[in-house]
Amino acid sequence: MTIKYEPSSIITSKVEDIVKKLNMTHIDLNRVKCLKSRGSKAKRTIARCHALSKIWQKSLGIKGHYIIEVISENYDNLPEHEKEKVLIHELLHIPFSMGGGFKHHKNYVTRSRVNRLHKEYKSLSIK
């Protein structure tokens, strides 16, 4: 079975809300797309962040863009608060330059940072 991708307005809306409430001003939402995939054989992967590499940027004459892909089979049944944490985790991979690279897990994209930001996000969502 091949992987099928489709845009997700629900994921897009949640990502926009997270970016705005957590004041992630370095993220240009016009250069972030959100997709849901179905048919992946990934067992432990819930979501992925993809970037447009420098060679593609130079060839096409555009700036870096990012795709947040959620793997439907592994994402859809999560409780809402876990879905939010997954999206925060993927957004943390996007560097301040939005230049096509990634922030790595070590010392930056950590469980404690995700939990702290999620707690902040939830407190801002209540207001």
PDB file of N, CA and C in Angstrom:
ATOM      1  N   MET A   1       0.847  -1.184   0.000  1.00  0.00           N
ATOM      2  CA  MET A   1       0.000   0.000   0.000  1.00  0.00           C
ATOM      3  C   MET A   1       0.889   1.242   0.000  1.00  0.00           C
ATOM      4  N   THR A   2       0.554   2.192  -0.816  1.00  0.00           N
ATOM      5  CA  THR A   2       1.334   3.421  -0.869  1.00  0.00           C
ATOM      6  C   THR A   2       0.824   4.404   0.173  1.00  0.00           C
ATOM      7  N   ILE A   3       1.710   5.296   0.564  1.00  0.00           N
ATOM      8  CA  ILE A   3       1.316   6.329   1.523  1.00  0.00           C
ATOM      9  C   ILE A   3       0.511   7.389   0.782  1.00  0.00           C
ATOM     10  N   LYS A   4      -0.586   7.781   1.381  1.00  0.00           N
ATOM     11  CA  LYS A   4      -1.426   8.838   0.812  1.00  0.00           C
ATOM     12  C   LYS A   4      -1.340  10.057   1.731  1.00  0.00           C
ATOM     13  N   TYR A   5      -1.200  11.224   1.121  1.00  0.00           N
ATOM     14  CA  TYR A   5      -1.084  12.480   1.866  1.00  0.00           C
ATOM     15  C   TYR A   5      -2.268  13.371   1.543  1.00  0.00           C
ATOM     16  N   GLU A   6      -2.770  14.048   2.567  1.00  0.00           N
ATOM     17  CA  GLU A   6      -3.844  15.018   2.335  1.00  0.00           C
ATOM     18  C   GLU A   6      -3.656  16.202   3.271  1.00  0.00           C
ATOM     19  N   PRO A   7      -3.964  17.398   2.775  1.00  0.00           N
ATOM     20  CA  PRO A   7      -3.884  18.576   3.652  1.00  0.00           C
ATOM     21  C   PRO A   7      -4.868  18.400   4.809  1.00  0.00           C
ATOM     22  N   SER A   8      -4.540  18.980   5.951  1.00  0.00           N
ATOM     23  CA  SER A   8      -5.418  18.877   7.116  1.00  0.00           C
ATOM     24  C   SER A   8      -5.669  20.265   7.698  1.00  0.00           C
ATOM     25  N   SER A   9      -6.875  20.753   7.508  1.00  0.00           N
ATOM     26  CA  SER A   9      -7.227  22.062   8.062  1.00  0.00           C
ATOM     27  C   SER A   9      -7.292  22.008   9.587  1.00  0.00           C
ATOM     28  N   ILE A  10      -7.639  20.861  10.146  1.00  0.00           N
ATOM     29  CA  ILE A  10      -7.698  20.721  11.607  1.00  0.00           C
ATOM     30  C   ILE A  10      -6.297  20.848  12.206  1.00  0.00           C
ATOM     31  N   ILE A  11      -5.329  20.154  11.621  1.00  0.00           N
ATOM     32  CA  ILE A  11      -3.944  20.230  12.105  1.00  0.00           C
ATOM     33  C   ILE A  11      -3.411  21.646  11.874  1.00  0.00           C
ATOM     34  N   THR A  12      -3.692  22.205  10.713  1.00  0.00           N
ATOM     35  CA  THR A  12      -3.242  23.563  10.403  1.00  0.00           C
ATOM     36  C   THR A  12      -3.770  24.558  11.432  1.00  0.00           C
ATOM     37  N   SER A  13      -5.042  24.478  11.756  1.00  0.00           N
ATOM     38  CA  SER A  13      -5.637  25.394  12.746  1.00  0.00           C
ATOM     39  C   SER A  13      -4.986  25.234  14.113  1.00  0.00           C
ATOM     40  N   LYS A  14      -4.724  23.999  14.512  1.00  0.00           N
ATOM     41  CA  LYS A  14      -4.110  23.755  15.817  1.00  0.00           C
ATOM     42  C   LYS A  14      -2.676  24.286  15.829  1.00  0.00           C
ATOM     43  N   VAL A  15      -1.925  24.067  14.754  1.00  0.00           N
ATOM     44  CA  VAL A  15      -0.559  24.571  14.655  1.00  0.00           C
ATOM     45  C   VAL A  15      -0.564  26.099  14.715  1.00  0.00           C
ATOM     46  N   GLU A  16      -1.461  26.740  13.989  1.00  0.00           N
ATOM     47  CA  GLU A  16      -1.558  28.205  14.019  1.00  0.00           C
ATOM     48  C   GLU A  16      -1.855  28.702  15.432  1.00  0.00           C
ATOM     49  N   ASP A  17      -2.762  28.028  16.128  1.00  0.00           N
ATOM     50  CA  ASP A  17      -3.116  28.409  17.488  1.00  0.00           C
ATOM     51  C   ASP A  17      -1.915  28.265  18.431  1.00  0.00           C
ATOM     52  N   ILE A  18      -1.200  27.171  18.307  1.00  0.00           N
ATOM     53  CA  ILE A  18      -0.017  26.928  19.154  1.00  0.00           C
ATOM     54  C   ILE A  18       1.040  27.999  18.892  1.00  0.00           C
ATOM     55  N   VAL A  19       1.339  28.248  17.624  1.00  0.00           N
ATOM     56  CA  VAL A  19       2.363  29.243  17.259  1.00  0.00           C
ATOM     57  C   VAL A  19       2.005  30.613  17.812  1.00  0.00           C
ATOM     58  N   LYS A  20       0.751  31.000  17.683  1.00  0.00           N
ATOM     59  CA  LYS A  20       0.330  32.329  18.154  1.00  0.00           C
ATOM     60  C   LYS A  20       0.342  32.419  19.671  1.00  0.00           C
ATOM     61  N   LYS A  21      -0.224  31.429  20.346  1.00  0.00           N
ATOM     62  CA  LYS A  21      -0.307  31.489  21.809  1.00  0.00           C
ATOM     63  C   LYS A  21       1.047  31.369  22.480  1.00  0.00           C
ATOM     64  N   LEU A  22       1.951  30.591  21.897  1.00  0.00           N
ATOM     65  CA  LEU A  22       3.293  30.435  22.480  1.00  0.00           C
ATOM     66  C   LEU A  22       4.269  31.478  21.947  1.00  0.00           C
ATOM     67  N   ASN A  23       3.754  32.413  21.156  1.00  0.00           N
ATOM     68  CA  ASN A  23       4.567  33.522  20.655  1.00  0.00           C
ATOM     69  C   ASN A  23       5.818  33.031  19.919  1.00  0.00           C
ATOM     70  N   MET A  24       5.637  32.030  19.078  1.00  0.00           N
ATOM     71  CA  MET A  24       6.734  31.498  18.263  1.00  0.00           C
ATOM     72  C   MET A  24       6.855  32.377  17.016  1.00  0.00           C
ATOM     73  N   THR A  25       7.289  33.614  17.243  1.00  0.00           N
ATOM     74  CA  THR A  25       7.279  34.626  16.182  1.00  0.00           C
ATOM     75  C   THR A  25       8.242  34.320  15.037  1.00  0.00           C
ATOM     76  N   HIS A  26       9.199  33.442  15.267  1.00  0.00           N
ATOM     77  CA  HIS A  26      10.141  33.097  14.201  1.00  0.00           C
ATOM     78  C   HIS A  26       9.510  32.191  13.142  1.00  0.00           C
ATOM     79  N   ILE A  27       8.363  31.596  13.459  1.00  0.00           N
ATOM     80  CA  ILE A  27       7.726  30.676  12.516  1.00  0.00           C
ATOM     81  C   ILE A  27       6.774  31.451  11.613  1.00  0.00           C
ATOM     82  N   ASP A  28       7.111  31.457  10.326  1.00  0.00           N
ATOM     83  CA  ASP A  28       6.275  32.087   9.310  1.00  0.00           C
ATOM     84  C   ASP A  28       5.248  31.046   8.865  1.00  0.00           C
ATOM     85  N   LEU A  29       4.024  31.205   9.332  1.00  0.00           N
ATOM     86  CA  LEU A  29       2.983  30.215   9.055  1.00  0.00           C
ATOM     87  C   LEU A  29       2.667  30.085   7.565  1.00  0.00           C
ATOM     88  N   ASN A  30       3.032  31.077   6.771  1.00  0.00           N
ATOM     89  CA  ASN A  30       2.845  30.982   5.322  1.00  0.00           C
ATOM     90  C   ASN A  30       3.803  29.971   4.703  1.00  0.00           C
ATOM     91  N   ARG A  31       4.832  29.591   5.463  1.00  0.00           N
ATOM     92  CA  ARG A  31       5.823  28.640   4.952  1.00  0.00           C
ATOM     93  C   ARG A  31       5.793  27.316   5.716  1.00  0.00           C
ATOM     94  N   VAL A  32       4.675  27.052   6.384  1.00  0.00           N
ATOM     95  CA  VAL A  32       4.484  25.783   7.083  1.00  0.00           C
ATOM     96  C   VAL A  32       3.181  25.180   6.595  1.00  0.00           C
ATOM     97  N   LYS A  33       3.244  23.959   6.100  1.00  0.00           N
ATOM     98  CA  LYS A  33       2.057  23.232   5.640  1.00  0.00           C
ATOM     99  C   LYS A  33       1.866  22.010   6.528  1.00  0.00           C
ATOM    100  N   CYS A  34       0.623  21.628   6.711  1.00  0.00           N
ATOM    101  CA  CYS A  34       0.307  20.491   7.568  1.00  0.00           C
ATOM    102  C   CYS A  34      -0.441  19.438   6.761  1.00  0.00           C
ATOM    103  N   LEU A  35       0.058  18.213   6.839  1.00  0.00           N
ATOM    104  CA  LEU A  35      -0.534  17.097   6.110  1.00  0.00           C
ATOM    105  C   LEU A  35      -0.796  15.934   7.046  1.00  0.00           C
ATOM    106  N   LYS A  36      -1.788  15.134   6.682  1.00  0.00           N
ATOM    107  CA  LYS A  36      -2.024  13.851   7.334  1.00  0.00           C
ATOM    108  C   LYS A  36      -1.650  12.780   6.329  1.00  0.00           C
ATOM    109  N   SER A  37      -0.971  11.759   6.796  1.00  0.00           N
ATOM    110  CA  SER A  37      -0.648  10.644   5.914  1.00  0.00           C
ATOM    111  C   SER A  37      -1.357   9.393   6.404  1.00  0.00           C
ATOM    112  N   ARG A  38      -1.662   8.528   5.445  1.00  0.00           N
ATOM    113  CA  ARG A  38      -2.243   7.226   5.748  1.00  0.00           C
ATOM    114  C   ARG A  38      -1.461   6.182   4.969  1.00  0.00           C
ATOM    115  N   GLY A  39      -1.226   5.054   5.614  1.00  0.00           N
ATOM    116  CA  GLY A  39      -0.553   3.963   4.930  1.00  0.00           C
ATOM    117  C   GLY A  39       0.921   3.828   5.251  1.00  0.00           C
ATOM    118  N   SER A  40       1.416   4.596   6.189  1.00  0.00           N
ATOM    119  CA  SER A  40       2.822   4.487   6.592  1.00  0.00           C
ATOM    120  C   SER A  40       3.012   3.197   7.383  1.00  0.00           C
ATOM    121  N   LYS A  41       4.164   2.596   7.210  1.00  0.00           N
ATOM    122  CA  LYS A  41       4.490   1.401   7.991  1.00  0.00           C
ATOM    123  C   LYS A  41       5.225   1.750   9.285  1.00  0.00           C
ATOM    124  N   ALA A  42       5.401   3.037   9.535  1.00  0.00           N
ATOM    125  CA  ALA A  42       6.083   3.478  10.749  1.00  0.00           C
ATOM    126  C   ALA A  42       5.267   3.052  11.962  1.00  0.00           C
ATOM    127  N   LYS A  43       5.896   2.371  12.867  1.00  0.00           N
ATOM    128  CA  LYS A  43       5.199   1.860  14.052  1.00  0.00           C
ATOM    129  C   LYS A  43       5.247   2.842  15.216  1.00  0.00           C
ATOM    130  N   ARG A  44       6.404   3.446  15.440  1.00  0.00           N
ATOM    131  CA  ARG A  44       6.573   4.301  16.615  1.00  0.00           C
ATOM    132  C   ARG A  44       6.593   5.787  16.285  1.00  0.00           C
ATOM    133  N   THR A  45       6.515   6.135  15.020  1.00  0.00           N
ATOM    134  CA  THR A  45       6.545   7.537  14.622  1.00  0.00           C
ATOM    135  C   THR A  45       5.119   8.074  14.567  1.00  0.00           C
ATOM    136  N   ILE A  46       4.894   9.164  15.279  1.00  0.00           N
ATOM    137  CA  ILE A  46       3.564   9.769  15.328  1.00  0.00           C
ATOM    138  C   ILE A  46       3.472  10.919  14.330  1.00  0.00           C
ATOM    139  N   ALA A  47       4.556  11.650  14.183  1.00  0.00           N
ATOM    140  CA  ALA A  47       4.581  12.799  13.271  1.00  0.00           C
ATOM    141  C   ALA A  47       6.025  13.043  12.842  1.00  0.00           C
ATOM    142  N   ARG A  48       6.150  13.800  11.761  1.00  0.00           N
ATOM    143  CA  ARG A  48       7.483  14.158  11.264  1.00  0.00           C
ATOM    144  C   ARG A  48       7.455  15.599  10.783  1.00  0.00           C
ATOM    145  N   CYS A  49       8.617  16.214  10.846  1.00  0.00           N
ATOM    146  CA  CYS A  49       8.793  17.555  10.298  1.00  0.00           C
ATOM    147  C   CYS A  49       9.742  17.422   9.107  1.00  0.00           C
ATOM    148  N   HIS A  50       9.313  17.911   7.965  1.00  0.00           N
ATOM    149  CA  HIS A  50      10.117  17.864   6.743  1.00  0.00           C
ATOM    150  C   HIS A  50      10.505  19.289   6.370  1.00  0.00           C
ATOM    151  N   ALA A  51      11.676  19.440   5.763  1.00  0.00           N
ATOM    152  CA  ALA A  51      12.134  20.764   5.338  1.00  0.00           C
ATOM    153  C   ALA A  51      12.521  20.733   3.864  1.00  0.00           C
ATOM    154  N   LEU A  52      12.371  21.883   3.225  1.00  0.00           N
ATOM    155  CA  LEU A  52      12.825  22.041   1.847  1.00  0.00           C
ATOM    156  C   LEU A  52      14.318  22.340   1.897  1.00  0.00           C
ATOM    157  N   SER A  53      15.108  21.449   1.345  1.00  0.00           N
ATOM    158  CA  SER A  53      16.564  21.578   1.446  1.00  0.00           C
ATOM    159  C   SER A  53      17.089  22.781   0.662  1.00  0.00           C
ATOM    160  N   LYS A  54      18.318  23.159   0.987  1.00  0.00           N
ATOM    161  CA  LYS A  54      18.950  24.331   0.358  1.00  0.00           C
ATOM    162  C   LYS A  54      19.010  24.199  -1.160  1.00  0.00           C
ATOM    163  N   ILE A  55      19.304  23.008  -1.661  1.00  0.00           N
ATOM    164  CA  ILE A  55      19.428  22.855  -3.113  1.00  0.00           C
ATOM    165  C   ILE A  55      18.094  23.106  -3.807  1.00  0.00           C
ATOM    166  N   TRP A  56      17.001  22.663  -3.197  1.00  0.00           N
ATOM    167  CA  TRP A  56      15.673  22.938  -3.739  1.00  0.00           C
ATOM    168  C   TRP A  56      15.340  24.420  -3.621  1.00  0.00           C
ATOM    169  N   GLN A  57      15.694  25.026  -2.500  1.00  0.00           N
ATOM    170  CA  GLN A  57      15.430  26.459  -2.324  1.00  0.00           C
ATOM    171  C   GLN A  57      16.141  27.273  -3.397  1.00  0.00           C
ATOM    172  N   LYS A  58      17.428  26.977  -3.598  1.00  0.00           N
ATOM    173  CA  LYS A  58      18.226  27.706  -4.598  1.00  0.00           C
ATOM    174  C   LYS A  58      17.692  27.468  -5.998  1.00  0.00           C
ATOM    175  N   SER A  59      17.365  26.210  -6.297  1.00  0.00           N
ATOM    176  CA  SER A  59      16.873  25.868  -7.635  1.00  0.00           C
ATOM    177  C   SER A  59      15.532  26.523  -7.944  1.00  0.00           C
ATOM    178  N   LEU A  60      14.667  26.587  -6.945  1.00  0.00           N
ATOM    179  CA  LEU A  60      13.330  27.145  -7.152  1.00  0.00           C
ATOM    180  C   LEU A  60      13.241  28.633  -6.847  1.00  0.00           C
ATOM    181  N   GLY A  61      14.299  29.186  -6.244  1.00  0.00           N
ATOM    182  CA  GLY A  61      14.306  30.599  -5.906  1.00  0.00           C
ATOM    183  C   GLY A  61      13.301  30.963  -4.822  1.00  0.00           C
ATOM    184  N   ILE A  62      13.167  30.075  -3.840  1.00  0.00           N
ATOM    185  CA  ILE A  62      12.236  30.350  -2.734  1.00  0.00           C
ATOM    186  C   ILE A  62      12.932  30.124  -1.398  1.00  0.00           C
ATOM    187  N   LYS A  63      12.318  30.633  -0.345  1.00  0.00           N
ATOM    188  CA  LYS A  63      12.850  30.452   1.008  1.00  0.00           C
ATOM    189  C   LYS A  63      12.481  29.077   1.544  1.00  0.00           C
ATOM    190  N   GLY A  64      13.056  28.750   2.696  1.00  0.00           N
ATOM    191  CA  GLY A  64      12.774  27.471   3.332  1.00  0.00           C
ATOM    192  C   GLY A  64      11.308  27.318   3.703  1.00  0.00           C
ATOM    193  N   HIS A  65      10.796  26.141   3.499  1.00  0.00           N
ATOM    194  CA  HIS A  65       9.433  25.776   3.857  1.00  0.00           C
ATOM    195  C   HIS A  65       9.483  24.494   4.679  1.00  0.00           C
ATOM    196  N   TYR A  66       8.462  24.297   5.486  1.00  0.00           N
ATOM    197  CA  TYR A  66       8.390  23.115   6.345  1.00  0.00           C
ATOM    198  C   TYR A  66       7.034  22.446   6.202  1.00  0.00           C
ATOM    199  N   ILE A  67       7.035  21.137   6.348  1.00  0.00           N
ATOM    200  CA  ILE A  67       5.804  20.358   6.355  1.00  0.00           C
ATOM    201  C   ILE A  67       5.756  19.591   7.664  1.00  0.00           C
ATOM    202  N   ILE A  68       4.641  19.721   8.358  1.00  0.00           N
ATOM    203  CA  ILE A  68       4.397  18.882   9.527  1.00  0.00           C
ATOM    204  C   ILE A  68       3.440  17.798   9.064  1.00  0.00           C
ATOM    205  N   GLU A  69       3.932  16.568   9.120  1.00  0.00           N
ATOM    206  CA  GLU A  69       3.148  15.402   8.712  1.00  0.00           C
ATOM    207  C   GLU A  69       2.746  14.635   9.960  1.00  0.00           C
ATOM    208  N   VAL A  70       1.452  14.408  10.121  1.00  0.00           N
ATOM    209  CA  VAL A  70       1.005  13.519  11.191  1.00  0.00           C
ATOM    210  C   VAL A  70       0.587  12.207  10.545  1.00  0.00           C
ATOM    211  N   ILE A  71       1.011  11.123  11.154  1.00  0.00           N
ATOM    212  CA  ILE A  71       0.714   9.792  10.637  1.00  0.00           C
ATOM    213  C   ILE A  71      -0.602   9.346  11.271  1.00  0.00           C
ATOM    214  N   SER A  72      -1.630   9.337  10.456  1.00  0.00           N
ATOM    215  CA  SER A  72      -2.993   9.148  10.924  1.00  0.00           C
ATOM    216  C   SER A  72      -3.160   7.922  11.826  1.00  0.00           C
ATOM    217  N   GLU A  73      -2.583   6.816  11.425  1.00  0.00           N
ATOM    218  CA  GLU A  73      -2.747   5.571  12.191  1.00  0.00           C
ATOM    219  C   GLU A  73      -2.201   5.693  13.614  1.00  0.00           C
ATOM    220  N   ASN A  74      -1.201   6.535  13.819  1.00  0.00           N
ATOM    221  CA  ASN A  74      -0.555   6.660  15.127  1.00  0.00           C
ATOM    222  C   ASN A  74      -0.971   7.924  15.876  1.00  0.00           C
ATOM    223  N   TYR A  75      -1.578   8.860  15.191  1.00  0.00           N
ATOM    224  CA  TYR A  75      -1.918  10.165  15.770  1.00  0.00           C
ATOM    225  C   TYR A  75      -3.394  10.268  16.160  1.00  0.00           C
ATOM    226  N   ASP A  76      -4.257   9.782  15.300  1.00  0.00           N
ATOM    227  CA  ASP A  76      -5.689  10.049  15.438  1.00  0.00           C
ATOM    228  C   ASP A  76      -6.303   9.589  16.756  1.00  0.00           C
ATOM    229  N   ASN A  77      -5.845   8.501  17.321  1.00  0.00           N
ATOM    230  CA  ASN A  77      -6.444   7.967  18.547  1.00  0.00           C
ATOM    231  C   ASN A  77      -5.832   8.519  19.829  1.00  0.00           C
ATOM    232  N   LEU A  78      -4.870   9.423  19.700  1.00  0.00           N
ATOM    233  CA  LEU A  78      -4.268  10.018  20.893  1.00  0.00           C
ATOM    234  C   LEU A  78      -5.259  10.963  21.568  1.00  0.00           C
ATOM    235  N   PRO A  79      -5.145  11.109  22.894  1.00  0.00           N
ATOM    236  CA  PRO A  79      -5.945  12.145  23.565  1.00  0.00           C
ATOM    237  C   PRO A  79      -5.511  13.529  23.064  1.00  0.00           C
ATOM    238  N   GLU A  80      -6.396  14.490  23.152  1.00  0.00           N
ATOM    239  CA  GLU A  80      -6.141  15.830  22.622  1.00  0.00           C
ATOM    240  C   GLU A  80      -4.861  16.444  23.185  1.00  0.00           C
ATOM    241  N   HIS A  81      -4.615  16.302  24.473  1.00  0.00           N
ATOM    242  CA  HIS A  81      -3.412  16.914  25.058  1.00  0.00           C
ATOM    243  C   HIS A  81      -2.139  16.286  24.493  1.00  0.00           C
ATOM    244  N   GLU A  82      -2.175  15.002  24.153  1.00  0.00           N
ATOM    245  CA  GLU A  82      -1.003  14.357  23.535  1.00  0.00           C
ATOM    246  C   GLU A  82      -0.822  14.823  22.098  1.00  0.00           C
ATOM    247  N   LYS A  83      -1.909  15.037  21.387  1.00  0.00           N
ATOM    248  CA  LYS A  83      -1.826  15.572  20.024  1.00  0.00           C
ATOM    249  C   LYS A  83      -1.159  16.949  20.051  1.00  0.00           C
ATOM    250  N   GLU A  84      -1.545  17.762  21.029  1.00  0.00           N
ATOM    251  CA  GLU A  84      -0.954  19.099  21.167  1.00  0.00           C
ATOM    252  C   GLU A  84       0.542  19.003  21.433  1.00  0.00           C
ATOM    253  N   LYS A  85       0.933  18.073  22.291  1.00  0.00           N
ATOM    254  CA  LYS A  85       2.360  17.895  22.593  1.00  0.00           C
ATOM    255  C   LYS A  85       3.131  17.448  21.355  1.00  0.00           C
ATOM    256  N   VAL A  86       2.533  16.577  20.560  1.00  0.00           N
ATOM    257  CA  VAL A  86       3.181  16.118  19.319  1.00  0.00           C
ATOM    258  C   VAL A  86       3.427  17.307  18.396  1.00  0.00           C
ATOM    259  N   LEU A  87       2.439  18.169  18.240  1.00  0.00           N
ATOM    260  CA  LEU A  87       2.588  19.329  17.352  1.00  0.00           C
ATOM    261  C   LEU A  87       3.611  20.315  17.899  1.00  0.00           C
ATOM    262  N   ILE A  88       3.610  20.537  19.204  1.00  0.00           N
ATOM    263  CA  ILE A  88       4.632  21.403  19.813  1.00  0.00           C
ATOM    264  C   ILE A  88       6.014  20.822  19.547  1.00  0.00           C
ATOM    265  N   HIS A  89       6.155  19.521  19.718  1.00  0.00           N
ATOM    266  CA  HIS A  89       7.433  18.840  19.472  1.00  0.00           C
ATOM    267  C   HIS A  89       7.907  19.108  18.040  1.00  0.00           C
ATOM    268  N   GLU A  90       7.028  18.932  17.076  1.00  0.00           N
ATOM    269  CA  GLU A  90       7.416  19.130  15.672  1.00  0.00           C
ATOM    270  C   GLU A  90       7.750  20.592  15.387  1.00  0.00           C
ATOM    271  N   LEU A  91       7.003  21.517  15.966  1.00  0.00           N
ATOM    272  CA  LEU A  91       7.298  22.941  15.776  1.00  0.00           C
ATOM    273  C   LEU A  91       8.661  23.318  16.356  1.00  0.00           C
ATOM    274  N   LEU A  92       9.062  22.670  17.437  1.00  0.00           N
ATOM    275  CA  LEU A  92      10.374  22.960  18.031  1.00  0.00           C
ATOM    276  C   LEU A  92      11.528  22.586  17.096  1.00  0.00           C
ATOM    277  N   HIS A  93      11.292  21.709  16.158  1.00  0.00           N
ATOM    278  CA  HIS A  93      12.342  21.334  15.200  1.00  0.00           C
ATOM    279  C   HIS A  93      12.649  22.464  14.211  1.00  0.00           C
ATOM    280  N   ILE A  94      11.725  23.406  14.060  1.00  0.00           N
ATOM    281  CA  ILE A  94      11.921  24.497  13.097  1.00  0.00           C
ATOM    282  C   ILE A  94      12.836  25.547  13.716  1.00  0.00           C
ATOM    283  N   PRO A  95      13.994  25.790  13.086  1.00  0.00           N
ATOM    284  CA  PRO A  95      14.943  26.751  13.661  1.00  0.00           C
ATOM    285  C   PRO A  95      14.491  28.193  13.465  1.00  0.00           C
ATOM    286  N   PHE A  96      15.122  29.093  14.224  1.00  0.00           N
ATOM    287  CA  PHE A  96      14.771  30.508  14.161  1.00  0.00           C
ATOM    288  C   PHE A  96      14.988  31.091  12.766  1.00  0.00           C
ATOM    289  N   SER A  97      15.924  30.562  12.012  1.00  0.00           N
ATOM    290  CA  SER A  97      16.194  31.089  10.672  1.00  0.00           C
ATOM    291  C   SER A  97      15.168  30.629   9.638  1.00  0.00           C
ATOM    292  N   MET A  98      14.450  29.555   9.918  1.00  0.00           N
ATOM    293  CA  MET A  98      13.532  28.916   8.953  1.00  0.00           C
ATOM    294  C   MET A  98      14.247  28.714   7.613  1.00  0.00           C
ATOM    295  N   GLY A  99      15.511  28.361   7.690  1.00  0.00           N
ATOM    296  CA  GLY A  99      16.321  28.262   6.487  1.00  0.00           C
ATOM    297  C   GLY A  99      16.382  26.900   5.832  1.00  0.00           C
ATOM    298  N   GLY A 100      15.628  25.944   6.326  1.00  0.00           N
ATOM    299  CA  GLY A 100      15.636  24.617   5.728  1.00  0.00           C
ATOM    300  C   GLY A 100      16.308  23.572   6.595  1.00  0.00           C
ATOM    301  N   GLY A 101      16.888  23.989   7.713  1.00  0.00           N
ATOM    302  CA  GLY A 101      17.522  23.046   8.631  1.00  0.00           C
ATOM    303  C   GLY A 101      16.561  22.627   9.732  1.00  0.00           C
ATOM    304  N   PHE A 102      17.127  21.936  10.731  1.00  0.00           N
ATOM    305  CA  PHE A 102      16.329  21.450  11.863  1.00  0.00           C
ATOM    306  C   PHE A 102      17.042  21.688  13.171  1.00  0.00           C
ATOM    307  N   LYS A 103      16.266  21.924  14.206  1.00  0.00           N
ATOM    308  CA  LYS A 103      16.775  21.864  15.580  1.00  0.00           C
ATOM    309  C   LYS A 103      16.699  20.391  15.974  1.00  0.00           C
ATOM    310  N   HIS A 104      17.760  19.887  16.565  1.00  0.00           N
ATOM    311  CA  HIS A 104      17.807  18.473  16.929  1.00  0.00           C
ATOM    312  C   HIS A 104      17.306  18.243  18.345  1.00  0.00           C
ATOM    313  N   HIS A 105      17.037  16.985  18.640  1.00  0.00           N
ATOM    314  CA  HIS A 105      16.525  16.627  19.960  1.00  0.00           C
ATOM    315  C   HIS A 105      17.496  16.997  21.071  1.00  0.00           C
ATOM    316  N   LYS A 106      18.745  16.668  20.894  1.00  0.00           N
ATOM    317  CA  LYS A 106      19.713  16.859  21.972  1.00  0.00           C
ATOM    318  C   LYS A 106      19.752  18.311  22.433  1.00  0.00           C
ATOM    319  N   ASN A 107      19.426  18.525  23.676  1.00  0.00           N
ATOM    320  CA  ASN A 107      19.478  19.820  24.337  1.00  0.00           C
ATOM    321  C   ASN A 107      18.459  20.848  23.847  1.00  0.00           C
ATOM    322  N   TYR A 108      17.583  20.500  22.897  1.00  0.00           N
ATOM    323  CA  TYR A 108      16.602  21.496  22.483  1.00  0.00           C
ATOM    324  C   TYR A 108      15.184  20.908  22.399  1.00  0.00           C
ATOM    325  N   VAL A 109      14.985  19.948  21.542  1.00  0.00           N
ATOM    326  CA  VAL A 109      13.657  19.347  21.418  1.00  0.00           C
ATOM    327  C   VAL A 109      13.587  18.205  22.428  1.00  0.00           C
ATOM    328  N   THR A 110      13.252  18.572  23.648  1.00  0.00           N
ATOM    329  CA  THR A 110      13.253  17.607  24.749  1.00  0.00           C
ATOM    330  C   THR A 110      11.855  17.450  25.326  1.00  0.00           C
ATOM    331  N   ARG A 111      11.639  16.332  25.991  1.00  0.00           N
ATOM    332  CA  ARG A 111      10.347  16.077  26.637  1.00  0.00           C
ATOM    333  C   ARG A 111      10.024  17.170  27.660  1.00  0.00           C
ATOM    334  N   SER A 112      11.031  17.592  28.422  1.00  0.00           N
ATOM    335  CA  SER A 112      10.765  18.616  29.439  1.00  0.00           C
ATOM    336  C   SER A 112      10.379  19.946  28.798  1.00  0.00           C
ATOM    337  N   ARG A 113      11.013  20.321  27.701  1.00  0.00           N
ATOM    338  CA  ARG A 113      10.646  21.565  27.013  1.00  0.00           C
ATOM    339  C   ARG A 113       9.228  21.458  26.429  1.00  0.00           C
ATOM    340  N   VAL A 114       8.931  20.323  25.826  1.00  0.00           N
ATOM    341  CA  VAL A 114       7.585  20.123  25.272  1.00  0.00           C
ATOM    342  C   VAL A 114       6.540  20.208  26.380  1.00  0.00           C
ATOM    343  N   ASN A 115       6.782  19.542  27.501  1.00  0.00           N
ATOM    344  CA  ASN A 115       5.825  19.568  28.617  1.00  0.00           C
ATOM    345  C   ASN A 115       5.646  20.975  29.177  1.00  0.00           C
ATOM    346  N   ARG A 116       6.744  21.703  29.315  1.00  0.00           N
ATOM    347  CA  ARG A 116       6.678  23.080  29.829  1.00  0.00           C
ATOM    348  C   ARG A 116       5.870  23.964  28.878  1.00  0.00           C
ATOM    349  N   LEU A 117       6.142  23.858  27.580  1.00  0.00           N
ATOM    350  CA  LEU A 117       5.415  24.666  26.603  1.00  0.00           C
ATOM    351  C   LEU A 117       3.943  24.258  26.532  1.00  0.00           C
ATOM    352  N   HIS A 118       3.688  22.973  26.680  1.00  0.00           N
ATOM    353  CA  HIS A 118       2.287  22.524  26.650  1.00  0.00           C
ATOM    354  C   HIS A 118       1.522  23.076  27.849  1.00  0.00           C
ATOM    355  N   LYS A 119       2.147  23.070  28.989  1.00  0.00           N
ATOM    356  CA  LYS A 119       1.513  23.634  30.184  1.00  0.00           C
ATOM    357  C   LYS A 119       1.204  25.121  29.977  1.00  0.00           C
ATOM    358  N   GLU A 120       2.160  25.839  29.394  1.00  0.00           N
ATOM    359  CA  GLU A 120       1.954  27.259  29.090  1.00  0.00           C
ATOM    360  C   GLU A 120       0.825  27.423  28.078  1.00  0.00           C
ATOM    361  N   TYR A 121       0.829  26.594  27.036  1.00  0.00           N
ATOM    362  CA  TYR A 121      -0.215  26.643  25.998  1.00  0.00           C
ATOM    363  C   TYR A 121      -1.595  26.427  26.618  1.00  0.00           C
ATOM    364  N   LYS A 122      -1.723  25.436  27.485  1.00  0.00           N
ATOM    365  CA  LYS A 122      -3.017  25.143  28.114  1.00  0.00           C
ATOM    366  C   LYS A 122      -3.475  26.305  28.997  1.00  0.00           C
ATOM    367  N   SER A 123      -2.550  26.916  29.704  1.00  0.00           N
ATOM    368  CA  SER A 123      -2.923  28.051  30.567  1.00  0.00           C
ATOM    369  C   SER A 123      -3.389  29.241  29.722  1.00  0.00           C
ATOM    370  N   LEU A 124      -2.795  29.418  28.553  1.00  0.00           N
ATOM    371  CA  LEU A 124      -3.193  30.508  27.657  1.00  0.00           C
ATOM    372  C   LEU A 124      -4.498  30.197  26.930  1.00  0.00           C
ATOM    373  N   SER A 125      -4.805  28.923  26.786  1.00  0.00           N
ATOM    374  CA  SER A 125      -6.034  28.517  26.096  1.00  0.00           C
ATOM    375  C   SER A 125      -7.260  28.683  26.966  1.00  0.00           C
ATOM    376  N   ILE A 126      -7.055  28.700  28.274  1.00  0.00           N
ATOM    377  CA  ILE A 126      -8.169  28.820  29.215  1.00  0.00           C
ATOM    378  C   ILE A 126      -8.684  30.252  29.269  1.00  0.00           C
ATOM    379  N   LYS A 127      -7.769  31.195  29.087  1.00  0.00           N
ATOM    380  CA  LYS A 127      -8.126  32.614  29.212  1.00  0.00           C
ATOM    381  C   LYS A 127      -9.096  33.064  28.164  1.00  0.00           C
TER     382      LYS A 127
END
